[in-house]
PDB file of N, CA and C in Angstrom:
ATOM      1  N   MET A   1      -2.892  17.927   2.312  1.00  0.00           N
ATOM      2  CA  MET A   1      -3.200  19.163   1.643  1.00  0.00           C
ATOM      3  C   MET A   1      -3.703  18.811   0.237  1.00  0.00           C
ATOM      4  N   PHE A   2      -4.965  19.203  -0.070  1.00  0.00           N
ATOM      5  CA  PHE A   2      -5.577  18.990  -1.372  1.00  0.00           C
ATOM      6  C   PHE A   2      -5.667  17.502  -1.729  1.00  0.00           C
ATOM      7  N   GLY A   3      -5.568  16.589  -0.795  1.00  0.00           N
ATOM      8  CA  GLY A   3      -5.674  15.175  -1.078  1.00  0.00           C
ATOM      9  C   GLY A   3      -4.374  14.518  -1.439  1.00  0.00           C
ATOM     10  N   PHE A   4      -3.255  15.285  -1.289  1.00  0.00           N
ATOM     11  CA  PHE A   4      -1.949  14.684  -1.591  1.00  0.00           C
ATOM     12  C   PHE A   4      -1.146  14.795  -0.244  1.00  0.00           C
ATOM     13  N   SER A   5      -0.206  13.868  -0.084  1.00  0.00           N
ATOM     14  CA  SER A   5       0.750  13.952   1.031  1.00  0.00           C
ATOM     15  C   SER A   5       2.018  13.233   0.712  1.00  0.00           C
ATOM     16  N   PHE A   6       3.081  13.604   1.358  1.00  0.00           N
ATOM     17  CA  PHE A   6       4.404  12.909   1.297  1.00  0.00           C
ATOM     18  C   PHE A   6       4.539  12.145   2.548  1.00  0.00           C
ATOM     19  N   ASN A   7       5.040  10.910   2.411  1.00  0.00           N
ATOM     20  CA  ASN A   7       5.420  10.125   3.550  1.00  0.00           C
ATOM     21  C   ASN A   7       6.806   9.542   3.390  1.00  0.00           C
ATOM     22  N   LYS A   8       7.538   9.543   4.494  1.00  0.00           N
ATOM     23  CA  LYS A   8       8.875   8.914   4.424  1.00  0.00           C
ATOM     24  C   LYS A   8       8.791   7.427   4.687  1.00  0.00           C
ATOM     25  N   VAL A   9       9.420   6.624   3.892  1.00  0.00           N
ATOM     26  CA  VAL A   9       9.441   5.129   4.058  1.00  0.00           C
ATOM     27  C   VAL A   9      10.317   4.788   5.266  1.00  0.00           C
ATOM     28  N   ALA A  10       9.820   4.060   6.204  1.00  0.00           N
ATOM     29  CA  ALA A  10      10.557   3.571   7.333  1.00  0.00           C
ATOM     30  C   ALA A  10      10.497   2.036   7.392  1.00  0.00           C
ATOM     31  N   GLY A  11      11.659   1.428   7.374  1.00  0.00           N
ATOM     32  CA  GLY A  11      11.699  -0.023   7.427  1.00  0.00           C
ATOM     33  C   GLY A  11      11.895  -0.611   6.049  1.00  0.00           C
ATOM     34  N   ASN A  12      12.003  -1.905   6.005  1.00  0.00           N
ATOM     35  CA  ASN A  12      12.369  -2.673   4.773  1.00  0.00           C
ATOM     36  C   ASN A  12      11.314  -3.598   4.276  1.00  0.00           C
ATOM     37  N   SER A  13      10.081  -3.443   4.682  1.00  0.00           N
ATOM     38  CA  SER A  13       9.012  -4.388   4.327  1.00  0.00           C
ATOM     39  C   SER A  13       8.758  -4.293   2.841  1.00  0.00           C
ATOM     40  N   MET A  14       9.057  -3.180   2.219  1.00  0.00           N
ATOM     41  CA  MET A  14       8.798  -3.025   0.766  1.00  0.00           C
ATOM     42  C   MET A  14      10.051  -3.048  -0.077  1.00  0.00           C
ATOM     43  N   PHE A  15      11.201  -3.411   0.524  1.00  0.00           N
ATOM     44  CA  PHE A  15      12.488  -3.460  -0.172  1.00  0.00           C
ATOM     45  C   PHE A  15      12.459  -4.652  -1.105  1.00  0.00           C
ATOM     46  N   PRO A  16      12.950  -4.573  -2.306  1.00  0.00           N
ATOM     47  CA  PRO A  16      13.789  -3.513  -2.893  1.00  0.00           C
ATOM     48  C   PRO A  16      12.978  -2.437  -3.616  1.00  0.00           C
ATOM     49  N   ARG A  17      11.652  -2.561  -3.743  1.00  0.00           N
ATOM     50  CA  ARG A  17      10.834  -1.612  -4.503  1.00  0.00           C
ATOM     51  C   ARG A  17      10.884  -0.315  -3.810  1.00  0.00           C
ATOM     52  N   LEU A  18      10.702  -0.224  -2.485  1.00  0.00           N
ATOM     53  CA  LEU A  18      10.884   1.009  -1.737  1.00  0.00           C
ATOM     54  C   LEU A  18      11.950   0.761  -0.718  1.00  0.00           C
ATOM     55  N   LYS A  19      12.823   1.755  -0.613  1.00  0.00           N
ATOM     56  CA  LYS A  19      13.889   1.653   0.398  1.00  0.00           C
ATOM     57  C   LYS A  19      13.623   2.553   1.570  1.00  0.00           C
ATOM     58  N   SER A  20      14.107   2.133   2.771  1.00  0.00           N
ATOM     59  CA  SER A  20      13.892   3.016   3.915  1.00  0.00           C
ATOM     60  C   SER A  20      14.594   4.338   3.652  1.00  0.00           C
ATOM     61  N   GLY A  21      13.900   5.428   3.932  1.00  0.00           N
ATOM     62  CA  GLY A  21      14.429   6.751   3.608  1.00  0.00           C
ATOM     63  C   GLY A  21      13.880   7.331   2.342  1.00  0.00           C
ATOM     64  N   ASN A  22      13.261   6.532   1.450  1.00  0.00           N
ATOM     65  CA  ASN A  22      12.630   7.078   0.253  1.00  0.00           C
ATOM     66  C   ASN A  22      11.386   7.928   0.722  1.00  0.00           C
ATOM     67  N   PHE A  23      10.914   8.760  -0.156  1.00  0.00           N
ATOM     68  CA  PHE A  23       9.679   9.553   0.071  1.00  0.00           C
ATOM     69  C   PHE A  23       8.750   9.080  -0.943  1.00  0.00           C
ATOM     70  N   VAL A  24       7.461   8.992  -0.556  1.00  0.00           N
ATOM     71  CA  VAL A  24       6.422   8.599  -1.531  1.00  0.00           C
ATOM     72  C   VAL A  24       5.390   9.688  -1.570  1.00  0.00           C
ATOM     73  N   LEU A  25       4.944  10.076  -2.756  1.00  0.00           N
ATOM     74  CA  LEU A  25       3.834  10.995  -2.928  1.00  0.00           C
ATOM     75  C   LEU A  25       2.545  10.143  -3.024  1.00  0.00           C
ATOM     76  N   LEU A  26       1.572  10.452  -2.155  1.00  0.00           N
ATOM     77  CA  LEU A  26       0.384   9.710  -2.136  1.00  0.00           C
ATOM     78  C   LEU A  26      -0.808  10.600  -2.543  1.00  0.00           C
ATOM     79  N   SER A  27      -1.754   9.932  -3.237  1.00  0.00           N
ATOM     80  CA  SER A  27      -2.963  10.717  -3.582  1.00  0.00           C
ATOM     81  C   SER A  27      -4.179   9.971  -3.044  1.00  0.00           C
ATOM     82  N   GLU A  28      -5.098  10.778  -2.492  1.00  0.00           N
ATOM     83  CA  GLU A  28      -6.367  10.201  -2.014  1.00  0.00           C
ATOM     84  C   GLU A  28      -7.416  10.213  -3.158  1.00  0.00           C
ATOM     85  N   HIS A  29      -7.101  10.829  -4.263  1.00  0.00           N
ATOM     86  CA  HIS A  29      -8.004  10.953  -5.424  1.00  0.00           C
ATOM     87  C   HIS A  29      -7.627   9.897  -6.470  1.00  0.00           C
ATOM     88  N   PHE A  30      -8.332   8.769  -6.368  1.00  0.00           N
ATOM     89  CA  PHE A  30      -8.155   7.711  -7.411  1.00  0.00           C
ATOM     90  C   PHE A  30      -9.362   6.818  -7.325  1.00  0.00           C
ATOM     91  N   ASP A  31      -9.583   6.090  -8.427  1.00  0.00           N
ATOM     92  CA  ASP A  31     -10.742   5.228  -8.531  1.00  0.00           C
ATOM     93  C   ASP A  31     -10.350   3.832  -7.969  1.00  0.00           C
ATOM     94  N   ARG A  32     -10.937   3.425  -6.873  1.00  0.00           N
ATOM     95  CA  ARG A  32     -10.577   2.145  -6.275  1.00  0.00           C
ATOM     96  C   ARG A  32     -10.968   1.013  -7.238  1.00  0.00           C
ATOM     97  N   ARG A  33     -11.966   1.208  -8.052  1.00  0.00           N
ATOM     98  CA  ARG A  33     -12.371   0.155  -9.035  1.00  0.00           C
ATOM     99  C   ARG A  33     -11.257  -0.013 -10.113  1.00  0.00           C
ATOM    100  N   GLY A  34     -10.384   0.985 -10.282  1.00  0.00           N
ATOM    101  CA  GLY A  34      -9.325   0.898 -11.308  1.00  0.00           C
ATOM    102  C   GLY A  34      -7.983   0.341 -10.767  1.00  0.00           C
ATOM    103  N   LEU A  35      -7.987  -0.017  -9.461  1.00  0.00           N
ATOM    104  CA  LEU A  35      -6.741  -0.570  -8.942  1.00  0.00           C
ATOM    105  C   LEU A  35      -6.407  -1.901  -9.568  1.00  0.00           C
ATOM    106  N   LYS A  36      -5.105  -2.118  -9.692  1.00  0.00           N
ATOM    107  CA  LYS A  36      -4.685  -3.389 -10.286  1.00  0.00           C
ATOM    108  C   LYS A  36      -3.457  -3.965  -9.519  1.00  0.00           C
ATOM    109  N   ALA A  37      -3.249  -5.235  -9.706  1.00  0.00           N
ATOM    110  CA  ALA A  37      -2.092  -5.881  -9.045  1.00  0.00           C
ATOM    111  C   ALA A  37      -0.825  -5.116  -9.370  1.00  0.00           C
ATOM    112  N   GLY A  38      -0.005  -4.883  -8.347  1.00  0.00           N
ATOM    113  CA  GLY A  38       1.235  -4.145  -8.473  1.00  0.00           C
ATOM    114  C   GLY A  38       1.146  -2.757  -7.985  1.00  0.00           C
ATOM    115  N   ASP A  39      -0.064  -2.178  -7.851  1.00  0.00           N
ATOM    116  CA  ASP A  39      -0.218  -0.827  -7.326  1.00  0.00           C
ATOM    117  C   ASP A  39       0.282  -0.789  -5.864  1.00  0.00           C
ATOM    118  N   ILE A  40       0.935   0.301  -5.429  1.00  0.00           N
ATOM    119  CA  ILE A  40       1.341   0.443  -4.054  1.00  0.00           C
ATOM    120  C   ILE A  40       0.323   1.322  -3.421  1.00  0.00           C
ATOM    121  N   ILE A  41      -0.164   0.834  -2.262  1.00  0.00           N
ATOM    122  CA  ILE A  41      -1.342   1.459  -1.602  1.00  0.00           C
ATOM    123  C   ILE A  41      -1.056   1.637  -0.098  1.00  0.00           C
ATOM    124  N   LYS A  42      -1.488   2.780   0.450  1.00  0.00           N
ATOM    125  CA  LYS A  42      -1.474   2.987   1.890  1.00  0.00           C
ATOM    126  C   LYS A  42      -2.841   2.612   2.462  1.00  0.00           C
ATOM    127  N   LEU A  43      -2.839   1.690   3.374  1.00  0.00           N
ATOM    128  CA  LEU A  43      -4.109   1.273   3.931  1.00  0.00           C
ATOM    129  C   LEU A  43      -4.095   1.336   5.441  1.00  0.00           C
ATOM    130  N   LEU A  44      -5.249   1.257   6.016  1.00  0.00           N
ATOM    131  CA  LEU A  44      -5.424   1.271   7.483  1.00  0.00           C
ATOM    132  C   LEU A  44      -5.820  -0.135   7.868  1.00  0.00           C
ATOM    133  N   HIS A  45      -4.874  -0.824   8.549  1.00  0.00           N
ATOM    134  CA  HIS A  45      -5.095  -2.228   8.967  1.00  0.00           C
ATOM    135  C   HIS A  45      -5.495  -2.236  10.429  1.00  0.00           C
ATOM    136  N   PRO A  46      -6.431  -3.101  10.860  1.00  0.00           N
ATOM    137  CA  PRO A  46      -6.912  -3.059  12.208  1.00  0.00           C
ATOM    138  C   PRO A  46      -5.799  -3.447  13.253  1.00  0.00           C
ATOM    139  N   ARG A  47      -4.785  -4.246  12.853  1.00  0.00           N
ATOM    140  CA  ARG A  47      -3.729  -4.657  13.725  1.00  0.00           C
ATOM    141  C   ARG A  47      -2.472  -3.856  13.560  1.00  0.00           C
ATOM    142  N   TYR A  48      -2.114  -3.533  12.355  1.00  0.00           N
ATOM    143  CA  TYR A  48      -0.864  -2.901  12.004  1.00  0.00           C
ATOM    144  C   TYR A  48      -0.888  -1.383  11.907  1.00  0.00           C
ATOM    145  N   GLY A  49      -2.080  -0.829  11.830  1.00  0.00           N
ATOM    146  CA  GLY A  49      -2.243   0.600  11.646  1.00  0.00           C
ATOM    147  C   GLY A  49      -2.032   0.952  10.197  1.00  0.00           C
ATOM    148  N   TYR A  50      -1.523   2.158   9.926  1.00  0.00           N
ATOM    149  CA  TYR A  50      -1.252   2.591   8.546  1.00  0.00           C
ATOM    150  C   TYR A  50      -0.047   1.873   8.025  1.00  0.00           C
ATOM    151  N   ILE A  51      -0.201   1.201   6.922  1.00  0.00           N
ATOM    152  CA  ILE A  51       0.907   0.472   6.235  1.00  0.00           C
ATOM    153  C   ILE A  51       0.833   0.667   4.750  1.00  0.00           C
ATOM    154  N   VAL A  52       1.992   0.570   4.075  1.00  0.00           N
ATOM    155  CA  VAL A  52       2.062   0.662   2.664  1.00  0.00           C
ATOM    156  C   VAL A  52       2.509  -0.686   2.134  1.00  0.00           C
ATOM    157  N   LYS A  53       1.631  -1.217   1.241  1.00  0.00           N
ATOM    158  CA  LYS A  53       1.858  -2.560   0.757  1.00  0.00           C
ATOM    159  C   LYS A  53       1.436  -2.610  -0.740  1.00  0.00           C
ATOM    160  N   THR A  54       1.847  -3.691  -1.405  1.00  0.00           N
ATOM    161  CA  THR A  54       1.567  -3.891  -2.808  1.00  0.00           C
ATOM    162  C   THR A  54       0.262  -4.705  -2.973  1.00  0.00           C
ATOM    163  N   LEU A  55      -0.590  -4.212  -3.863  1.00  0.00           N
ATOM    164  CA  LEU A  55      -1.827  -4.941  -4.129  1.00  0.00           C
ATOM    165  C   LEU A  55      -1.504  -6.189  -4.914  1.00  0.00           C
ATOM    166  N   VAL A  56      -1.980  -7.348  -4.406  1.00  0.00           N
ATOM    167  CA  VAL A  56      -1.746  -8.603  -5.121  1.00  0.00           C
ATOM    168  C   VAL A  56      -2.969  -8.947  -6.004  1.00  0.00           C
ATOM    169  N   GLY A  57      -4.186  -8.648  -5.558  1.00  0.00           N
ATOM    170  CA  GLY A  57      -5.341  -8.973  -6.347  1.00  0.00           C
ATOM    171  C   GLY A  57      -6.648  -8.560  -5.563  1.00  0.00           C
ATOM    172  N   ILE A  58      -7.743  -8.758  -6.281  1.00  0.00           N
ATOM    173  CA  ILE A  58      -9.047  -8.512  -5.760  1.00  0.00           C
ATOM    174  C   ILE A  58      -9.828  -9.821  -5.959  1.00  0.00           C
ATOM    175  N   ASP A  59     -10.475 -10.269  -4.846  1.00  0.00           N
ATOM    176  CA  ASP A  59     -11.210 -11.561  -4.931  1.00  0.00           C
ATOM    177  C   ASP A  59     -12.621 -11.330  -5.471  1.00  0.00           C
ATOM    178  N   HIS A  60     -13.392 -12.444  -5.671  1.00  0.00           N
ATOM    179  CA  HIS A  60     -14.691 -12.397  -6.254  1.00  0.00           C
ATOM    180  C   HIS A  60     -15.731 -11.613  -5.387  1.00  0.00           C
ATOM    181  N   THR A  61     -15.356 -11.367  -4.081  1.00  0.00           N
ATOM    182  CA  THR A  61     -16.256 -10.637  -3.180  1.00  0.00           C
ATOM    183  C   THR A  61     -15.925  -9.134  -3.104  1.00  0.00           C
ATOM    184  N   GLY A  62     -14.880  -8.746  -3.906  1.00  0.00           N
ATOM    185  CA  GLY A  62     -14.470  -7.335  -3.909  1.00  0.00           C
ATOM    186  C   GLY A  62     -13.517  -6.994  -2.833  1.00  0.00           C
ATOM    187  N   ARG A  63     -12.960  -7.921  -2.089  1.00  0.00           N
ATOM    188  CA  ARG A  63     -11.974  -7.626  -1.096  1.00  0.00           C
ATOM    189  C   ARG A  63     -10.587  -7.614  -1.702  1.00  0.00           C
ATOM    190  N   PHE A  64      -9.724  -6.773  -1.139  1.00  0.00           N
ATOM    191  CA  PHE A  64      -8.366  -6.573  -1.679  1.00  0.00           C
ATOM    192  C   PHE A  64      -7.350  -7.367  -0.832  1.00  0.00           C
ATOM    193  N   TRP A  65      -6.321  -7.832  -1.579  1.00  0.00           N
ATOM    194  CA  TRP A  65      -5.294  -8.629  -0.888  1.00  0.00           C
ATOM    195  C   TRP A  65      -3.945  -7.973  -1.151  1.00  0.00           C
ATOM    196  N   PHE A  66      -3.143  -7.858  -0.111  1.00  0.00           N
ATOM    197  CA  PHE A  66      -1.870  -7.137  -0.211  1.00  0.00           C
ATOM    198  C   PHE A  66      -0.725  -7.943   0.383  1.00  0.00           C
ATOM    199  N   LYS A  67       0.508  -7.576   0.027  1.00  0.00           N
ATOM    200  CA  LYS A  67       1.693  -8.182   0.547  1.00  0.00           C
ATOM    201  C   LYS A  67       2.808  -7.090   0.582  1.00  0.00           C
ATOM    202  N   GLY A  68       3.846  -7.404   1.401  1.00  0.00           N
ATOM    203  CA  GLY A  68       5.072  -6.613   1.381  1.00  0.00           C
ATOM    204  C   GLY A  68       5.946  -7.188   0.313  1.00  0.00           C
ATOM    205  N   GLU A  69       6.883  -6.390  -0.160  1.00  0.00           N
ATOM    206  CA  GLU A  69       7.811  -6.819  -1.239  1.00  0.00           C
ATOM    207  C   GLU A  69       8.944  -7.747  -0.591  1.00  0.00           C
ATOM    208  N   ASN A  70       9.318  -7.484   0.560  1.00  0.00           N
ATOM    209  CA  ASN A  70      10.392  -8.237   1.248  1.00  0.00           C
ATOM    210  C   ASN A  70       9.840  -9.515   1.800  1.00  0.00           C
ATOM    211  N   LYS A  71      10.551 -10.617   1.589  1.00  0.00           N
ATOM    212  CA  LYS A  71      10.062 -11.942   2.047  1.00  0.00           C
ATOM    213  C   LYS A  71       9.960 -11.969   3.557  1.00  0.00           C
ATOM    214  N   GLN A  72      10.590 -11.048   4.272  1.00  0.00           N
ATOM    215  CA  GLN A  72      10.519 -11.055   5.744  1.00  0.00           C
ATOM    216  C   GLN A  72       9.399 -10.052   6.244  1.00  0.00           C
ATOM    217  N   SER A  73       8.613  -9.481   5.319  1.00  0.00           N
ATOM    218  CA  SER A  73       7.532  -8.605   5.648  1.00  0.00           C
ATOM    219  C   SER A  73       6.311  -9.486   6.029  1.00  0.00           C
ATOM    220  N   VAL A  74       5.327  -8.930   6.631  1.00  0.00           N
ATOM    221  CA  VAL A  74       4.115  -9.664   6.886  1.00  0.00           C
ATOM    222  C   VAL A  74       3.541 -10.134   5.570  1.00  0.00           C
ATOM    223  N   GLY A  75       3.032 -11.333   5.656  1.00  0.00           N
ATOM    224  CA  GLY A  75       2.535 -11.957   4.348  1.00  0.00           C
ATOM    225  C   GLY A  75       1.086 -11.694   4.092  1.00  0.00           C
ATOM    226  N   ILE A  76       0.676 -12.145   2.942  1.00  0.00           N
ATOM    227  CA  ILE A  76      -0.735 -11.896   2.497  1.00  0.00           C
ATOM    228  C   ILE A  76      -1.714 -12.464   3.463  1.00  0.00           C
ATOM    229  N   ASP A  77      -1.423 -13.708   4.023  1.00  0.00           N
ATOM    230  CA  ASP A  77      -2.324 -14.276   5.013  1.00  0.00           C
ATOM    231  C   ASP A  77      -2.347 -13.513   6.319  1.00  0.00           C
ATOM    232  N   ASP A  78      -1.252 -12.897   6.726  1.00  0.00           N
ATOM    233  CA  ASP A  78      -1.202 -12.111   7.922  1.00  0.00           C
ATOM    234  C   ASP A  78      -1.993 -10.806   7.828  1.00  0.00           C
ATOM    235  N   ILE A  79      -1.913 -10.206   6.627  1.00  0.00           N
ATOM    236  CA  ILE A  79      -2.667  -8.988   6.345  1.00  0.00           C
ATOM    237  C   ILE A  79      -4.120  -9.311   6.202  1.00  0.00           C
ATOM    238  N   GLY A  80      -4.440 -10.345   5.527  1.00  0.00           N
ATOM    239  CA  GLY A  80      -5.831 -10.751   5.304  1.00  0.00           C
ATOM    240  C   GLY A  80      -6.541  -9.907   4.367  1.00  0.00           C
ATOM    241  N   PRO A  81      -7.835 -10.126   4.175  1.00  0.00           N
ATOM    242  CA  PRO A  81      -8.615  -9.356   3.181  1.00  0.00           C
ATOM    243  C   PRO A  81      -8.823  -7.954   3.691  1.00  0.00           C
ATOM    244  N   ILE A  82      -8.809  -7.008   2.761  1.00  0.00           N
ATOM    245  CA  ILE A  82      -8.966  -5.546   3.089  1.00  0.00           C
ATOM    246  C   ILE A  82     -10.175  -5.049   2.329  1.00  0.00           C
ATOM    247  N   GLU A  83     -11.046  -4.318   3.075  1.00  0.00           N
ATOM    248  CA  GLU A  83     -12.240  -3.748   2.452  1.00  0.00           C
ATOM    249  C   GLU A  83     -11.804  -2.382   1.770  1.00  0.00           C
ATOM    250  N   ALA A  84     -12.548  -1.976   0.754  1.00  0.00           N
ATOM    251  CA  ALA A  84     -12.258  -0.710   0.052  1.00  0.00           C
ATOM    252  C   ALA A  84     -12.226   0.480   1.004  1.00  0.00           C
ATOM    253  N   SER A  85     -13.000   0.451   2.081  1.00  0.00           N
ATOM    254  CA  SER A  85     -12.953   1.598   2.982  1.00  0.00           C
ATOM    255  C   SER A  85     -11.683   1.745   3.791  1.00  0.00           C
ATOM    256  N   GLN A  86     -10.862   0.646   3.864  1.00  0.00           N
ATOM    257  CA  GLN A  86      -9.607   0.703   4.529  1.00  0.00           C
ATOM    258  C   GLN A  86      -8.444   1.215   3.630  1.00  0.00           C
ATOM    259  N   ILE A  87      -8.688   1.348   2.352  1.00  0.00           N
ATOM    260  CA  ILE A  87      -7.685   1.852   1.433  1.00  0.00           C
ATOM    261  C   ILE A  87      -7.769   3.355   1.488  1.00  0.00           C
ATOM    262  N   LYS A  88      -6.629   3.973   1.841  1.00  0.00           N
ATOM    263  CA  LYS A  88      -6.624   5.409   2.133  1.00  0.00           C
ATOM    264  C   LYS A  88      -6.041   6.242   1.003  1.00  0.00           C
ATOM    265  N   SER A  89      -4.916   5.758   0.381  1.00  0.00           N
ATOM    266  CA  SER A  89      -4.276   6.497  -0.692  1.00  0.00           C
ATOM    267  C   SER A  89      -3.417   5.612  -1.529  1.00  0.00           C
ATOM    268  N   LYS A  90      -3.082   6.096  -2.672  1.00  0.00           N
ATOM    269  CA  LYS A  90      -2.241   5.376  -3.676  1.00  0.00           C
ATOM    270  C   LYS A  90      -0.970   6.105  -3.896  1.00  0.00           C
ATOM    271  N   VAL A  91       0.160   5.345  -3.915  1.00  0.00           N
ATOM    272  CA  VAL A  91       1.453   5.916  -4.228  1.00  0.00           C
ATOM    273  C   VAL A  91       1.489   6.248  -5.729  1.00  0.00           C
ATOM    274  N   ILE A  92       1.803   7.517  -5.977  1.00  0.00           N
ATOM    275  CA  ILE A  92       1.836   7.942  -7.402  1.00  0.00           C
ATOM    276  C   ILE A  92       3.193   8.311  -7.828  1.00  0.00           C
ATOM    277  N   PHE A  93       4.162   8.503  -6.871  1.00  0.00           N
ATOM    278  CA  PHE A  93       5.500   8.857  -7.195  1.00  0.00           C
ATOM    279  C   PHE A  93       6.451   8.488  -6.085  1.00  0.00           C
ATOM    280  N   VAL A  94       7.675   8.017  -6.388  1.00  0.00           N
ATOM    281  CA  VAL A  94       8.639   7.667  -5.425  1.00  0.00           C
ATOM    282  C   VAL A  94       9.859   8.590  -5.585  1.00  0.00           C
ATOM    283  N   VAL A  95      10.322   9.161  -4.516  1.00  0.00           N
ATOM    284  CA  VAL A  95      11.514  10.019  -4.626  1.00  0.00           C
ATOM    285  C   VAL A  95      12.659   9.268  -3.905  1.00  0.00           C
ATOM    286  N   GLY A  96      13.748   9.097  -4.635  1.00  0.00           N
ATOM    287  CA  GLY A  96      14.904   8.488  -4.033  1.00  0.00           C
ATOM    288  C   GLY A  96      15.089   7.020  -4.360  1.00  0.00           C
ATOM    289  N   ALA A  97      14.258   6.529  -5.270  1.00  0.00           N
ATOM    290  CA  ALA A  97      14.372   5.117  -5.632  1.00  0.00           C
ATOM    291  C   ALA A  97      15.405   4.821  -6.619  1.00  0.00           C
TER     292      ALA A  97
END
């Protein structure tokens, strides 16, 4: 609705930053060029589907690299490089953290 949505966190891949059962407010209205390391992003991954991960960095070709916060989450190499078109929304608020 109006480019904003609430999603409930399921699982522990982003623990301790996000806990299972938290709610996140996501916005589709943000400047992808302004993203920085540490931003929490919802992306569409070809193997994992919609996932929420932390931006680690942007390489010299403009591809984005992500990781889960929990060491047992899929790693940066498993996620691989992400194109800007795969980035769907940015977490702007966490409820229950």
